[in-house]
């Protein structure tokens, strides 16, 4: 295949999916992994106090400066969180049952 200048353009985009537990009420829309858009880098975390999955911004590009932020809950930095990465068969972080990912993702940049 011949490469043209247009085919060499890479535009970073993140993607979010709806995750639902088959047993408990956990249901959130997150990336489910480390992800990045044009200006932001995110990590999915599970907040034990909020009982929810959240995408946390951990990197931000402002002009030529790159800012870094700690892993924390989006609602309170005192809430205990753990990094969360989904792969097929990953159990619900709240109850341990099956967590289902909707295959229809939404792109963000």
Protein backbone atom coordinates (compact mmCIF):
# COMPACT_ATOMS: atom_id res chain seq x y z
CA UNK A 1 0.00 0.00 0.00
CA UNK A 2 1.37 3.41 -0.95
CA UNK A 3 1.53 5.88 1.94
CA UNK A 4 0.22 9.34 1.18
CA UNK A 5 0.79 12.41 3.40
CA UNK A 6 -2.85 12.26 4.49
CA UNK A 7 -2.54 8.65 5.68
CA UNK A 8 0.34 9.63 8.00
CA UNK A 9 -1.81 11.97 10.09
CA UNK A 10 -2.50 10.61 13.57
CA UNK A 11 -5.14 12.31 15.69
CA UNK A 12 -5.19 10.97 19.25
CA UNK A 13 -8.67 10.25 20.53
CA UNK A 14 -9.84 8.57 23.69
CA UNK A 15 -12.81 6.24 23.92
CA UNK A 16 -15.39 5.63 26.66
CA UNK A 17 -17.64 2.62 27.22
CA UNK A 18 -20.61 1.87 29.46
CA UNK A 19 -19.78 -0.79 32.08
CA UNK A 20 -22.57 -2.55 33.99
CA UNK A 21 -22.41 -5.15 36.74
CA UNK A 22 -24.69 -8.17 36.37
CA UNK A 23 -25.32 -8.25 40.16
CA UNK A 24 -24.93 -4.90 41.94
CA UNK A 25 -25.92 -1.40 40.86
CA UNK A 26 -22.46 -0.38 39.58
CA UNK A 27 -22.91 1.25 36.17
CA UNK A 28 -20.52 3.88 34.79
CA UNK A 29 -19.23 5.20 31.48
CA UNK A 30 -15.42 5.34 31.48
CA UNK A 31 -12.45 4.42 29.28
CA UNK A 32 -11.69 1.33 31.35
CA UNK A 33 -7.94 1.85 30.98
CA UNK A 34 -5.28 4.53 30.59
CA UNK A 35 -6.35 6.72 27.69
CA UNK A 36 -5.44 9.96 25.95
CA UNK A 37 -6.91 12.66 23.78
CA UNK A 38 -5.20 15.61 22.14
CA UNK A 39 -4.61 17.58 25.36
CA UNK A 40 -5.48 15.19 28.21
CA UNK A 41 -4.31 11.85 29.55
CA UNK A 42 -6.65 9.87 31.78
CA UNK A 43 -6.61 6.78 33.98
CA UNK A 44 -9.70 4.88 35.08
CA UNK A 45 -9.95 4.55 38.86
CA UNK A 46 -12.41 2.88 41.22
CA UNK A 47 -13.43 5.02 44.21
CA UNK A 48 -14.29 2.79 47.16
CA UNK A 49 -16.24 5.53 48.96
CA UNK A 50 -18.30 6.74 45.96
CA UNK A 51 -18.62 3.12 44.72
CA UNK A 52 -18.02 4.18 41.14
CA UNK A 53 -15.60 4.01 38.26
CA UNK A 54 -14.20 7.38 37.19
CA UNK A 55 -11.82 8.64 34.53
CA UNK A 56 -9.24 10.80 36.29
CA UNK A 57 -7.19 13.37 34.34
CA UNK A 58 -3.54 12.66 35.15
CA UNK A 59 -1.83 14.67 32.37
CA UNK A 60 -2.74 17.93 30.68
CA UNK A 61 -0.93 19.76 27.93
CA UNK A 62 -1.13 23.58 28.21
CA UNK A 63 0.85 25.18 25.42
CA UNK A 64 4.37 23.76 25.81
CA UNK A 65 3.88 22.85 29.46
CA UNK A 66 2.79 19.36 30.56
CA UNK A 67 1.02 19.21 33.92
CA UNK A 68 0.65 16.03 35.97
CA UNK A 69 -2.05 15.28 38.54
CA UNK A 70 -2.19 12.54 41.21
CA UNK A 71 -4.53 9.56 41.11
CA UNK A 72 -7.52 10.58 43.18
CA UNK A 73 -11.30 10.58 43.27
CA UNK A 74 -12.88 13.31 41.15
CA UNK A 75 -15.09 14.34 44.08
CA UNK A 76 -12.69 14.20 47.04
CA UNK A 77 -8.95 13.66 47.07
CA UNK A 78 -9.30 11.96 50.47
CA UNK A 79 -11.42 9.06 49.09
CA UNK A 80 -9.48 5.81 48.61
CA UNK A 81 -9.07 4.91 44.92
CA UNK A 82 -7.37 2.16 42.98
CA UNK A 83 -6.27 2.12 39.35
CA UNK A 84 -8.68 0.02 37.29
CA UNK A 85 -8.02 -1.62 33.91
CA UNK A 86 -10.72 -3.64 32.15
CA UNK A 87 -10.02 -6.77 30.16
CA UNK A 88 -12.57 -9.43 29.26
CA UNK A 89 -13.42 -11.28 32.45
CA UNK A 90 -12.41 -8.47 34.83
CA UNK A 91 -14.78 -8.70 37.82
CA UNK A 92 -16.79 -5.83 39.23
CA UNK A 93 -14.56 -3.92 41.67
CA UNK A 94 -17.49 -3.58 44.09
CA UNK A 95 -19.01 -7.08 44.34
CA UNK A 96 -16.73 -9.36 42.29
CA UNK A 97 -19.39 -10.51 39.83
CA UNK A 98 -19.23 -10.16 36.05
CA UNK A 99 -18.80 -6.64 34.66
CA UNK A 100 -20.12 -6.21 31.13
CA UNK A 101 -18.79 -3.62 28.67
CA UNK A 102 -21.18 -2.25 26.05
CA UNK A 103 -19.35 -2.62 22.70
CA UNK A 104 -20.63 0.77 21.49
CA UNK A 105 -17.98 3.22 22.63
CA UNK A 106 -17.98 7.00 22.37
CA UNK A 107 -14.87 8.85 21.14
CA UNK A 108 -13.51 11.97 22.86
CA UNK A 109 -10.53 14.20 22.13
